[in-house]
Amino acid sequence: MFAVFRTGGKQFRAEPGATLLIPTLDAEPGTTVTFEEVLLASEGGEEGDVSVGAPLLEGATVTAEVVAHDRTKKITVFKRKRRKGYRRKQGHRQGFTVVRVADIAV
């Protein structure tokens, strides 16, 4: 059983018990969140009954538990223009939320 859901402008494939890194959610660790924008769901294995929404499946939800909040490895953004003495250096760390999928309801 698996489902594809959308959150934070991205799509994720969820299976019960899977751990996912998704864009930051406004929820405390230990709380339960429900994703209602389910695009596709499968009842059986890889080749089981697949339900595809147009664009969303009505009544389908993915329930997950928030495990933690963290930030990715730092990247360096460097801008430069030749022969002008223009240089800008900036670092960035993108935040994310770790969730563990508990249940998929179709």
PDB file of N, CA and C in Angstrom:
ATOM      1  N   MET A   1       0.841  -1.177   0.000  1.00  0.00           N
ATOM      2  CA  MET A   1       0.000   0.000   0.000  1.00  0.00           C
ATOM      3  C   MET A   1       0.885   1.240   0.000  1.00  0.00           C
ATOM      4  N   PHE A   2       0.575   2.178  -0.891  1.00  0.00           N
ATOM      5  CA  PHE A   2       1.320   3.428  -0.925  1.00  0.00           C
ATOM      6  C   PHE A   2       0.414   4.527  -1.446  1.00  0.00           C
ATOM      7  N   ALA A   3       0.850   5.763  -1.258  1.00  0.00           N
ATOM      8  CA  ALA A   3       0.100   6.915  -1.737  1.00  0.00           C
ATOM      9  C   ALA A   3       1.085   8.010  -2.118  1.00  0.00           C
ATOM     10  N   VAL A   4       0.670   8.854  -3.032  1.00  0.00           N
ATOM     11  CA  VAL A   4       1.446  10.029  -3.406  1.00  0.00           C
ATOM     12  C   VAL A   4       0.638  11.233  -2.948  1.00  0.00           C
ATOM     13  N   PHE A   5       1.258  12.079  -2.113  1.00  0.00           N
ATOM     14  CA  PHE A   5       0.552  13.260  -1.614  1.00  0.00           C
ATOM     15  C   PHE A   5       1.388  14.496  -1.876  1.00  0.00           C
ATOM     16  N   ARG A   6       0.746  15.658  -1.749  1.00  0.00           N
ATOM     17  CA  ARG A   6       1.406  16.928  -2.037  1.00  0.00           C
ATOM     18  C   ARG A   6       1.404  17.793  -0.784  1.00  0.00           C
ATOM     19  N   THR A   7       2.572  18.372  -0.470  1.00  0.00           N
ATOM     20  CA  THR A   7       2.695  19.341   0.607  1.00  0.00           C
ATOM     21  C   THR A   7       3.887  20.236   0.323  1.00  0.00           C
ATOM     22  N   GLY A   8       3.769  21.498   0.610  1.00  0.00           N
ATOM     23  CA  GLY A   8       4.862  22.432   0.404  1.00  0.00           C
ATOM     24  C   GLY A   8       5.249  22.599  -1.052  1.00  0.00           C
ATOM     25  N   GLY A   9       4.301  22.350  -1.987  1.00  0.00           N
ATOM     26  CA  GLY A   9       4.584  22.488  -3.401  1.00  0.00           C
ATOM     27  C   GLY A   9       5.359  21.330  -3.994  1.00  0.00           C
ATOM     28  N   LYS A  10       5.533  20.250  -3.241  1.00  0.00           N
ATOM     29  CA  LYS A  10       6.260  19.082  -3.726  1.00  0.00           C
ATOM     30  C   LYS A  10       5.411  17.835  -3.510  1.00  0.00           C
ATOM     31  N   GLN A  11       5.747  16.767  -4.219  1.00  0.00           N
ATOM     32  CA  GLN A  11       5.024  15.507  -4.101  1.00  0.00           C
ATOM     33  C   GLN A  11       5.917  14.453  -3.458  1.00  0.00           C
ATOM     34  N   PHE A  12       5.300  13.615  -2.615  1.00  0.00           N
ATOM     35  CA  PHE A  12       6.040  12.594  -1.881  1.00  0.00           C
ATOM     36  C   PHE A  12       5.304  11.267  -1.958  1.00  0.00           C
ATOM     37  N   ARG A  13       6.083  10.181  -2.038  1.00  0.00           N
ATOM     38  CA  ARG A  13       5.523   8.830  -2.054  1.00  0.00           C
ATOM     39  C   ARG A  13       5.585   8.291  -0.629  1.00  0.00           C
ATOM     40  N   ALA A  14       4.438   7.923  -0.089  1.00  0.00           N
ATOM     41  CA  ALA A  14       4.360   7.503   1.310  1.00  0.00           C
ATOM     42  C   ALA A  14       3.925   6.049   1.412  1.00  0.00           C
ATOM     43  N   GLU A  15       4.575   5.321   2.307  1.00  0.00           N
ATOM     44  CA  GLU A  15       4.192   3.968   2.679  1.00  0.00           C
ATOM     45  C   GLU A  15       4.100   3.924   4.202  1.00  0.00           C
ATOM     46  N   PRO A  16       3.227   3.100   4.759  1.00  0.00           N
ATOM     47  CA  PRO A  16       3.143   3.027   6.219  1.00  0.00           C
ATOM     48  C   PRO A  16       4.494   2.655   6.824  1.00  0.00           C
ATOM     49  N   GLY A  17       4.923   3.438   7.813  1.00  0.00           N
ATOM     50  CA  GLY A  17       6.188   3.207   8.490  1.00  0.00           C
ATOM     51  C   GLY A  17       7.369   3.935   7.860  1.00  0.00           C
ATOM     52  N   ALA A  18       7.176   4.561   6.697  1.00  0.00           N
ATOM     53  CA  ALA A  18       8.275   5.257   6.018  1.00  0.00           C
ATOM     54  C   ALA A  18       8.564   6.587   6.704  1.00  0.00           C
ATOM     55  N   THR A  19       9.822   7.004   6.658  1.00  0.00           N
ATOM     56  CA  THR A  19      10.245   8.293   7.189  1.00  0.00           C
ATOM     57  C   THR A  19      10.542   9.212   6.025  1.00  0.00           C
ATOM     58  N   LEU A  20       9.943  10.419   6.032  1.00  0.00           N
ATOM     59  CA  LEU A  20      10.087  11.365   4.933  1.00  0.00           C
ATOM     60  C   LEU A  20      10.634  12.695   5.427  1.00  0.00           C
ATOM     61  N   LEU A  21      11.414  13.363   4.591  1.00  0.00           N
ATOM     62  CA  LEU A  21      11.887  14.719   4.853  1.00  0.00           C
ATOM     63  C   LEU A  21      11.061  15.645   3.974  1.00  0.00           C
ATOM     64  N   ILE A  22      10.217  16.461   4.592  1.00  0.00           N
ATOM     65  CA  ILE A  22       9.317  17.338   3.837  1.00  0.00           C
ATOM     66  C   ILE A  22       9.608  18.790   4.204  1.00  0.00           C
ATOM     67  N   PRO A  23       9.130  19.744   3.409  1.00  0.00           N
ATOM     68  CA  PRO A  23       9.315  21.155   3.776  1.00  0.00           C
ATOM     69  C   PRO A  23       8.738  21.438   5.160  1.00  0.00           C
ATOM     70  N   THR A  24       9.288  22.427   5.814  1.00  0.00           N
ATOM     71  CA  THR A  24       8.978  22.722   7.204  1.00  0.00           C
ATOM     72  C   THR A  24       7.477  22.903   7.453  1.00  0.00           C
ATOM     73  N   LEU A  25       6.986  22.204   8.476  1.00  0.00           N
ATOM     74  CA  LEU A  25       5.596  22.317   8.923  1.00  0.00           C
ATOM     75  C   LEU A  25       5.564  23.059  10.249  1.00  0.00           C
ATOM     76  N   ASP A  26       4.454  23.730  10.502  1.00  0.00           N
ATOM     77  CA  ASP A  26       4.272  24.433  11.772  1.00  0.00           C
ATOM     78  C   ASP A  26       3.589  23.479  12.756  1.00  0.00           C
ATOM     79  N   ALA A  27       4.338  22.468  13.223  1.00  0.00           N
ATOM     80  CA  ALA A  27       3.806  21.477  14.163  1.00  0.00           C
ATOM     81  C   ALA A  27       4.936  21.039  15.089  1.00  0.00           C
ATOM     82  N   GLU A  28       4.600  20.788  16.328  1.00  0.00           N
ATOM     83  CA  GLU A  28       5.582  20.365  17.318  1.00  0.00           C
ATOM     84  C   GLU A  28       5.920  18.882  17.137  1.00  0.00           C
ATOM     85  N   PRO A  29       7.164  18.480  17.447  1.00  0.00           N
ATOM     86  CA  PRO A  29       7.506  17.052  17.393  1.00  0.00           C
ATOM     87  C   PRO A  29       6.611  16.245  18.327  1.00  0.00           C
ATOM     88  N   GLY A  30       6.161  15.102  17.844  1.00  0.00           N
ATOM     89  CA  GLY A  30       5.263  14.253  18.622  1.00  0.00           C
ATOM     90  C   GLY A  30       3.805  14.409  18.250  1.00  0.00           C
ATOM     91  N   THR A  31       3.452  15.471  17.535  1.00  0.00           N
ATOM     92  CA  THR A  31       2.064  15.660  17.130  1.00  0.00           C
ATOM     93  C   THR A  31       1.780  14.896  15.837  1.00  0.00           C
ATOM     94  N   THR A  32       0.495  14.713  15.561  1.00  0.00           N
ATOM     95  CA  THR A  32       0.057  14.007  14.361  1.00  0.00           C
ATOM     96  C   THR A  32      -0.466  15.022  13.347  1.00  0.00           C
ATOM     97  N   VAL A  33      -0.045  14.864  12.096  1.00  0.00           N
ATOM     98  CA  VAL A  33      -0.515  15.736  11.024  1.00  0.00           C
ATOM     99  C   VAL A  33      -1.213  14.876   9.976  1.00  0.00           C
ATOM    100  N   THR A  34      -2.179  15.479   9.285  1.00  0.00           N
ATOM    101  CA  THR A  34      -2.929  14.790   8.241  1.00  0.00           C
ATOM    102  C   THR A  34      -2.768  15.542   6.942  1.00  0.00           C
ATOM    103  N   PHE A  35      -2.376  14.827   5.897  1.00  0.00           N
ATOM    104  CA  PHE A  35      -2.243  15.404   4.565  1.00  0.00           C
ATOM    105  C   PHE A  35      -3.456  14.971   3.751  1.00  0.00           C
ATOM    106  N   GLU A  36      -4.227  15.938   3.266  1.00  0.00           N
ATOM    107  CA  GLU A  36      -5.473  15.637   2.559  1.00  0.00           C
ATOM    108  C   GLU A  36      -5.348  15.779   1.050  1.00  0.00           C
ATOM    109  N   GLU A  37      -4.231  16.299   0.563  1.00  0.00           N
ATOM    110  CA  GLU A  37      -4.034  16.447  -0.879  1.00  0.00           C
ATOM    111  C   GLU A  37      -3.369  15.186  -1.425  1.00  0.00           C
ATOM    112  N   VAL A  38      -4.129  14.107  -1.498  1.00  0.00           N
ATOM    113  CA  VAL A  38      -3.625  12.827  -1.995  1.00  0.00           C
ATOM    114  C   VAL A  38      -3.913  12.752  -3.496  1.00  0.00           C
ATOM    115  N   LEU A  39      -2.860  12.518  -4.281  1.00  0.00           N
ATOM    116  CA  LEU A  39      -2.985  12.496  -5.735  1.00  0.00           C
ATOM    117  C   LEU A  39      -3.200  11.094  -6.286  1.00  0.00           C
ATOM    118  N   LEU A  40      -2.636  10.084  -5.622  1.00  0.00           N
ATOM    119  CA  LEU A  40      -2.689   8.713  -6.110  1.00  0.00           C
ATOM    120  C   LEU A  40      -2.602   7.787  -4.911  1.00  0.00           C
ATOM    121  N   ALA A  41      -3.308   6.662  -4.974  1.00  0.00           N
ATOM    122  CA  ALA A  41      -3.243   5.685  -3.888  1.00  0.00           C
ATOM    123  C   ALA A  41      -3.349   4.285  -4.473  1.00  0.00           C
ATOM    124  N   SER A  42      -2.648   3.330  -3.838  1.00  0.00           N
ATOM    125  CA  SER A  42      -2.683   1.943  -4.262  1.00  0.00           C
ATOM    126  C   SER A  42      -3.039   1.083  -3.066  1.00  0.00           C
ATOM    127  N   GLU A  43      -3.980   0.185  -3.258  1.00  0.00           N
ATOM    128  CA  GLU A  43      -4.425  -0.687  -2.177  1.00  0.00           C
ATOM    129  C   GLU A  43      -3.470  -1.860  -1.967  1.00  0.00           C
ATOM    130  N   GLY A  44      -3.026  -2.496  -3.055  1.00  0.00           N
ATOM    131  CA  GLY A  44      -2.174  -3.673  -2.938  1.00  0.00           C
ATOM    132  C   GLY A  44      -0.716  -3.290  -2.985  1.00  0.00           C
ATOM    133  N   GLY A  45       0.085  -4.144  -3.616  1.00  0.00           N
ATOM    134  CA  GLY A  45       1.509  -3.885  -3.754  1.00  0.00           C
ATOM    135  C   GLY A  45       1.763  -2.913  -4.894  1.00  0.00           C
ATOM    136  N   GLU A  46       2.871  -3.147  -5.607  1.00  0.00           N
ATOM    137  CA  GLU A  46       3.247  -2.258  -6.702  1.00  0.00           C
ATOM    138  C   GLU A  46       2.240  -2.305  -7.844  1.00  0.00           C
ATOM    139  N   GLU A  47       1.608  -3.470  -8.073  1.00  0.00           N
ATOM    140  CA  GLU A  47       0.691  -3.611  -9.196  1.00  0.00           C
ATOM    141  C   GLU A  47      -0.736  -3.861  -8.723  1.00  0.00           C
ATOM    142  N   GLY A  48      -1.084  -3.363  -7.540  1.00  0.00           N
ATOM    143  CA  GLY A  48      -2.417  -3.557  -7.004  1.00  0.00           C
ATOM    144  C   GLY A  48      -3.407  -2.575  -7.604  1.00  0.00           C
ATOM    145  N   ASP A  49      -4.543  -2.402  -6.942  1.00  0.00           N
ATOM    146  CA  ASP A  49      -5.564  -1.467  -7.402  1.00  0.00           C
ATOM    147  C   ASP A  49      -5.068  -0.051  -7.195  1.00  0.00           C
ATOM    148  N   VAL A  50      -4.854   0.664  -8.284  1.00  0.00           N
ATOM    149  CA  VAL A  50      -4.346   2.033  -8.221  1.00  0.00           C
ATOM    150  C   VAL A  50      -5.487   2.997  -8.495  1.00  0.00           C
ATOM    151  N   SER A  51      -5.682   3.951  -7.593  1.00  0.00           N
ATOM    152  CA  SER A  51      -6.686   4.999  -7.764  1.00  0.00           C
ATOM    153  C   SER A  51      -5.961   6.303  -8.038  1.00  0.00           C
ATOM    154  N   VAL A  52      -6.329   6.937  -9.132  1.00  0.00           N
ATOM    155  CA  VAL A  52      -5.691   8.191  -9.522  1.00  0.00           C
ATOM    156  C   VAL A  52      -6.729   9.295  -9.436  1.00  0.00           C
ATOM    157  N   GLY A  53      -6.388  10.389  -8.759  1.00  0.00           N
ATOM    158  CA  GLY A  53      -7.300  11.508  -8.628  1.00  0.00           C
ATOM    159  C   GLY A  53      -7.241  12.412  -9.839  1.00  0.00           C
ATOM    160  N   ALA A  54      -8.252  13.281  -9.942  1.00  0.00           N
ATOM    161  CA  ALA A  54      -8.295  14.226 -11.054  1.00  0.00           C
ATOM    162  C   ALA A  54      -8.654  15.609 -10.540  1.00  0.00           C
ATOM    163  N   PRO A  55      -7.807  16.357  -9.862  1.00  0.00           N
ATOM    164  CA  PRO A  55      -6.422  16.052  -9.522  1.00  0.00           C
ATOM    165  C   PRO A  55      -6.257  15.363  -8.170  1.00  0.00           C
ATOM    166  N   LEU A  56      -7.277  15.414  -7.286  1.00  0.00           N
ATOM    167  CA  LEU A  56      -7.134  14.830  -5.945  1.00  0.00           C
ATOM    168  C   LEU A  56      -8.116  13.684  -5.751  1.00  0.00           C
ATOM    169  N   LEU A  57      -7.771  12.752  -4.863  1.00  0.00           N
ATOM    170  CA  LEU A  57      -8.684  11.687  -4.475  1.00  0.00           C
ATOM    171  C   LEU A  57      -9.587  12.202  -3.358  1.00  0.00           C
ATOM    172  N   GLU A  58     -10.867  12.037  -3.538  1.00  0.00           N
ATOM    173  CA  GLU A  58     -11.831  12.496  -2.536  1.00  0.00           C
ATOM    174  C   GLU A  58     -11.803  11.579  -1.316  1.00  0.00           C
ATOM    175  N   GLY A  59     -11.661  12.152  -0.137  1.00  0.00           N
ATOM    176  CA  GLY A  59     -11.706  11.406   1.109  1.00  0.00           C
ATOM    177  C   GLY A  59     -10.435  10.658   1.467  1.00  0.00           C
ATOM    178  N   ALA A  60      -9.419  10.723   0.648  1.00  0.00           N
ATOM    179  CA  ALA A  60      -8.172  10.018   0.946  1.00  0.00           C
ATOM    180  C   ALA A  60      -7.271  10.911   1.801  1.00  0.00           C
ATOM    181  N   THR A  61      -6.635  10.293   2.803  1.00  0.00           N
ATOM    182  CA  THR A  61      -5.741  11.038   3.683  1.00  0.00           C
ATOM    183  C   THR A  61      -4.493  10.220   4.001  1.00  0.00           C
ATOM    184  N   VAL A  62      -3.416  10.935   4.308  1.00  0.00           N
ATOM    185  CA  VAL A  62      -2.185  10.324   4.794  1.00  0.00           C
ATOM    186  C   VAL A  62      -1.924  10.921   6.171  1.00  0.00           C
ATOM    187  N   THR A  63      -1.828  10.066   7.181  1.00  0.00           N
ATOM    188  CA  THR A  63      -1.591  10.509   8.549  1.00  0.00           C
ATOM    189  C   THR A  63      -0.142  10.202   8.925  1.00  0.00           C
ATOM    190  N   ALA A  64       0.516  11.201   9.521  1.00  0.00           N
ATOM    191  CA  ALA A  64       1.924  11.027   9.880  1.00  0.00           C
ATOM    192  C   ALA A  64       2.202  11.695  11.220  1.00  0.00           C
ATOM    193  N   GLU A  65       3.271  11.237  11.859  1.00  0.00           N
ATOM    194  CA  GLU A  65       3.700  11.804  13.140  1.00  0.00           C
ATOM    195  C   GLU A  65       4.960  12.631  12.893  1.00  0.00           C
ATOM    196  N   VAL A  66       4.983  13.850  13.448  1.00  0.00           N
ATOM    197  CA  VAL A  66       6.155  14.713  13.316  1.00  0.00           C
ATOM    198  C   VAL A  66       7.237  14.192  14.258  1.00  0.00           C
ATOM    199  N   VAL A  67       8.413  13.872  13.687  1.00  0.00           N
ATOM    200  CA  VAL A  67       9.510  13.328  14.479  1.00  0.00           C
ATOM    201  C   VAL A  67      10.441  14.442  14.943  1.00  0.00           C
ATOM    202  N   ALA A  68      10.863  15.315  14.015  1.00  0.00           N
ATOM    203  CA  ALA A  68      11.818  16.362  14.371  1.00  0.00           C
ATOM    204  C   ALA A  68      11.830  17.445  13.298  1.00  0.00           C
ATOM    205  N   HIS A  69      12.459  18.565  13.649  1.00  0.00           N
ATOM    206  CA  HIS A  69      12.741  19.655  12.717  1.00  0.00           C
ATOM    207  C   HIS A  69      14.253  19.790  12.640  1.00  0.00           C
ATOM    208  N   ASP A  70      14.765  20.066  11.442  1.00  0.00           N
ATOM    209  CA  ASP A  70      16.207  20.195  11.285  1.00  0.00           C
ATOM    210  C   ASP A  70      16.487  21.071  10.076  1.00  0.00           C
ATOM    211  N   ARG A  71      17.774  21.272   9.801  1.00  0.00           N
ATOM    212  CA  ARG A  71      18.179  22.045   8.628  1.00  0.00           C
ATOM    213  C   ARG A  71      19.229  21.266   7.851  1.00  0.00           C
ATOM    214  N   THR A  72      19.256  21.474   6.544  1.00  0.00           N
ATOM    215  CA  THR A  72      20.191  20.744   5.697  1.00  0.00           C
ATOM    216  C   THR A  72      21.597  21.292   5.833  1.00  0.00           C
ATOM    217  N   LYS A  73      22.523  20.659   5.130  1.00  0.00           N
ATOM    218  CA  LYS A  73      23.912  21.088   5.108  1.00  0.00           C
ATOM    219  C   LYS A  73      24.002  22.473   4.466  1.00  0.00           C
ATOM    220  N   LYS A  74      24.935  23.280   4.938  1.00  0.00           N
ATOM    221  CA  LYS A  74      25.078  24.647   4.442  1.00  0.00           C
ATOM    222  C   LYS A  74      25.607  24.674   3.011  1.00  0.00           C
ATOM    223  N   ILE A  75      24.995  25.546   2.194  1.00  0.00           N
ATOM    224  CA  ILE A  75      25.509  25.786   0.853  1.00  0.00           C
ATOM    225  C   ILE A  75      25.979  27.233   0.786  1.00  0.00           C
ATOM    226  N   THR A  76      26.910  27.507  -0.113  1.00  0.00           N
ATOM    227  CA  THR A  76      27.444  28.850  -0.280  1.00  0.00           C
ATOM    228  C   THR A  76      26.925  29.435  -1.584  1.00  0.00           C
ATOM    229  N   VAL A  77      26.351  30.632  -1.505  1.00  0.00           N
ATOM    230  CA  VAL A  77      25.882  31.354  -2.686  1.00  0.00           C
ATOM    231  C   VAL A  77      26.881  32.477  -2.916  1.00  0.00           C
ATOM    232  N   PHE A  78      27.556  32.464  -4.064  1.00  0.00           N
ATOM    233  CA  PHE A  78      28.596  33.448  -4.352  1.00  0.00           C
ATOM    234  C   PHE A  78      28.298  34.124  -5.672  1.00  0.00           C
ATOM    235  N   LYS A  79      28.199  35.450  -5.653  1.00  0.00           N
ATOM    236  CA  LYS A  79      27.959  36.238  -6.859  1.00  0.00           C
ATOM    237  C   LYS A  79      29.188  37.079  -7.153  1.00  0.00           C
ATOM    238  N   ARG A  80      29.496  37.237  -8.438  1.00  0.00           N
ATOM    239  CA  ARG A  80      30.678  37.995  -8.822  1.00  0.00           C
ATOM    240  C   ARG A  80      30.480  38.556 -10.222  1.00  0.00           C
ATOM    241  N   LYS A  81      30.962  39.783 -10.422  1.00  0.00           N
ATOM    242  CA  LYS A  81      30.989  40.370 -11.760  1.00  0.00           C
ATOM    243  C   LYS A  81      32.435  40.660 -12.112  1.00  0.00           C
ATOM    244  N   ARG A  82      32.862  40.210 -13.247  1.00  0.00           N
ATOM    245  CA  ARG A  82      34.267  40.362 -13.618  1.00  0.00           C
ATOM    246  C   ARG A  82      34.638  41.819 -13.858  1.00  0.00           C
ATOM    247  N   ARG A  83      35.836  42.149 -13.459  1.00  0.00           N
ATOM    248  CA  ARG A  83      36.464  43.462 -13.660  1.00  0.00           C
ATOM    249  C   ARG A  83      35.751  44.612 -12.936  1.00  0.00           C
ATOM    250  N   LYS A  84      34.790  44.357 -12.093  1.00  0.00           N
ATOM    251  CA  LYS A  84      34.045  45.431 -11.426  1.00  0.00           C
ATOM    252  C   LYS A  84      34.271  45.468  -9.918  1.00  0.00           C
ATOM    253  N   GLY A  85      34.929  44.456  -9.379  1.00  0.00           N
ATOM    254  CA  GLY A  85      35.156  44.427  -7.935  1.00  0.00           C
ATOM    255  C   GLY A  85      33.903  44.075  -7.151  1.00  0.00           C
ATOM    256  N   TYR A  86      32.880  43.517  -7.813  1.00  0.00           N
ATOM    257  CA  TYR A  86      31.625  43.169  -7.164  1.00  0.00           C
ATOM    258  C   TYR A  86      31.661  41.709  -6.739  1.00  0.00           C
ATOM    259  N   ARG A  87      31.573  41.473  -5.413  1.00  0.00           N
ATOM    260  CA  ARG A  87      31.529  40.120  -4.877  1.00  0.00           C
ATOM    261  C   ARG A  87      30.553  40.069  -3.717  1.00  0.00           C
ATOM    262  N   ARG A  88      29.726  39.046  -3.673  1.00  0.00           N
ATOM    263  CA  ARG A  88      28.796  38.834  -2.565  1.00  0.00           C
ATOM    264  C   ARG A  88      28.821  37.360  -2.190  1.00  0.00           C
ATOM    265  N   LYS A  89      29.027  37.082  -0.928  1.00  0.00           N
ATOM    266  CA  LYS A  89      29.054  35.712  -0.440  1.00  0.00           C
ATOM    267  C   LYS A  89      27.981  35.557   0.622  1.00  0.00           C
ATOM    268  N   GLN A  90      27.179  34.525   0.480  1.00  0.00           N
ATOM    269  CA  GLN A  90      26.075  34.302   1.401  1.00  0.00           C
ATOM    270  C   GLN A  90      25.896  32.807   1.613  1.00  0.00           C
ATOM    271  N   GLY A  91      25.567  32.397   2.816  1.00  0.00           N
ATOM    272  CA  GLY A  91      25.301  30.992   3.118  1.00  0.00           C
ATOM    273  C   GLY A  91      23.811  30.767   3.306  1.00  0.00           C
ATOM    274  N   HIS A  92      23.380  29.509   3.125  1.00  0.00           N
ATOM    275  CA  HIS A  92      21.966  29.181   3.281  1.00  0.00           C
ATOM    276  C   HIS A  92      21.823  27.750   3.788  1.00  0.00           C
ATOM    277  N   ARG A  93      20.914  27.562   4.746  1.00  0.00           N
ATOM    278  CA  ARG A  93      20.548  26.233   5.228  1.00  0.00           C
ATOM    279  C   ARG A  93      19.038  26.118   5.175  1.00  0.00           C
ATOM    280  N   GLN A  94      18.534  25.207   4.340  1.00  0.00           N
ATOM    281  CA  GLN A  94      17.097  25.029   4.174  1.00  0.00           C
ATOM    282  C   GLN A  94      16.537  24.184   5.305  1.00  0.00           C
ATOM    283  N   GLY A  95      15.432  24.613   5.880  1.00  0.00           N
ATOM    284  CA  GLY A  95      14.794  23.850   6.951  1.00  0.00           C
ATOM    285  C   GLY A  95      13.904  22.751   6.407  1.00  0.00           C
ATOM    286  N   PHE A  96      13.744  21.671   7.192  1.00  0.00           N
ATOM    287  CA  PHE A  96      12.847  20.586   6.811  1.00  0.00           C
ATOM    288  C   PHE A  96      12.271  19.942   8.061  1.00  0.00           C
ATOM    289  N   THR A  97      11.224  19.156   7.875  1.00  0.00           N
ATOM    290  CA  THR A  97      10.574  18.440   8.956  1.00  0.00           C
ATOM    291  C   THR A  97      10.645  16.946   8.653  1.00  0.00           C
ATOM    292  N   VAL A  98      10.985  16.152   9.657  1.00  0.00           N
ATOM    293  CA  VAL A  98      11.030  14.701   9.513  1.00  0.00           C
ATOM    294  C   VAL A  98       9.705  14.155  10.014  1.00  0.00           C
ATOM    295  N   VAL A  99       8.991  13.397   9.162  1.00  0.00           N
ATOM    296  CA  VAL A  99       7.724  12.786   9.560  1.00  0.00           C
ATOM    297  C   VAL A  99       7.786  11.288   9.305  1.00  0.00           C
ATOM    298  N   ARG A 100       7.068  10.540  10.133  1.00  0.00           N
ATOM    299  CA  ARG A 100       6.946   9.093   9.963  1.00  0.00           C
ATOM    300  C   ARG A 100       5.493   8.792   9.622  1.00  0.00           C
ATOM    301  N   VAL A 101       5.271   8.163   8.483  1.00  0.00           N
ATOM    302  CA  VAL A 101       3.918   7.874   8.013  1.00  0.00           C
ATOM    303  C   VAL A 101       3.311   6.778   8.869  1.00  0.00           C
ATOM    304  N   ALA A 102       2.119   7.058   9.415  1.00  0.00           N
ATOM    305  CA  ALA A 102       1.460   6.104  10.294  1.00  0.00           C
ATOM    306  C   ALA A 102       0.378   5.325   9.547  1.00  0.00           C
ATOM    307  N   ASP A 103      -0.442   6.030   8.743  1.00  0.00           N
ATOM    308  CA  ASP A 103      -1.599   5.373   8.126  1.00  0.00           C
ATOM    309  C   ASP A 103      -1.952   6.041   6.813  1.00  0.00           C
ATOM    310  N   ILE A 104      -2.473   5.255   5.902  1.00  0.00           N
ATOM    311  CA  ILE A 104      -2.993   5.768   4.632  1.00  0.00           C
ATOM    312  C   ILE A 104      -4.434   5.303   4.523  1.00  0.00           C
ATOM    313  N   ALA A 105      -5.355   6.249   4.428  1.00  0.00           N
ATOM    314  CA  ALA A 105      -6.770   5.930   4.309  1.00  0.00           C
ATOM    315  C   ALA A 105      -7.272   6.358   2.938  1.00  0.00           C
ATOM    316  N   VAL A 106      -7.858   5.419   2.204  1.00  0.00           N
ATOM    317  CA  VAL A 106      -8.343   5.731   0.856  1.00  0.00           C
ATOM    318  C   VAL A 106      -9.853   5.864   0.887  1.00  0.00           C
TER     319      VAL A 106
END
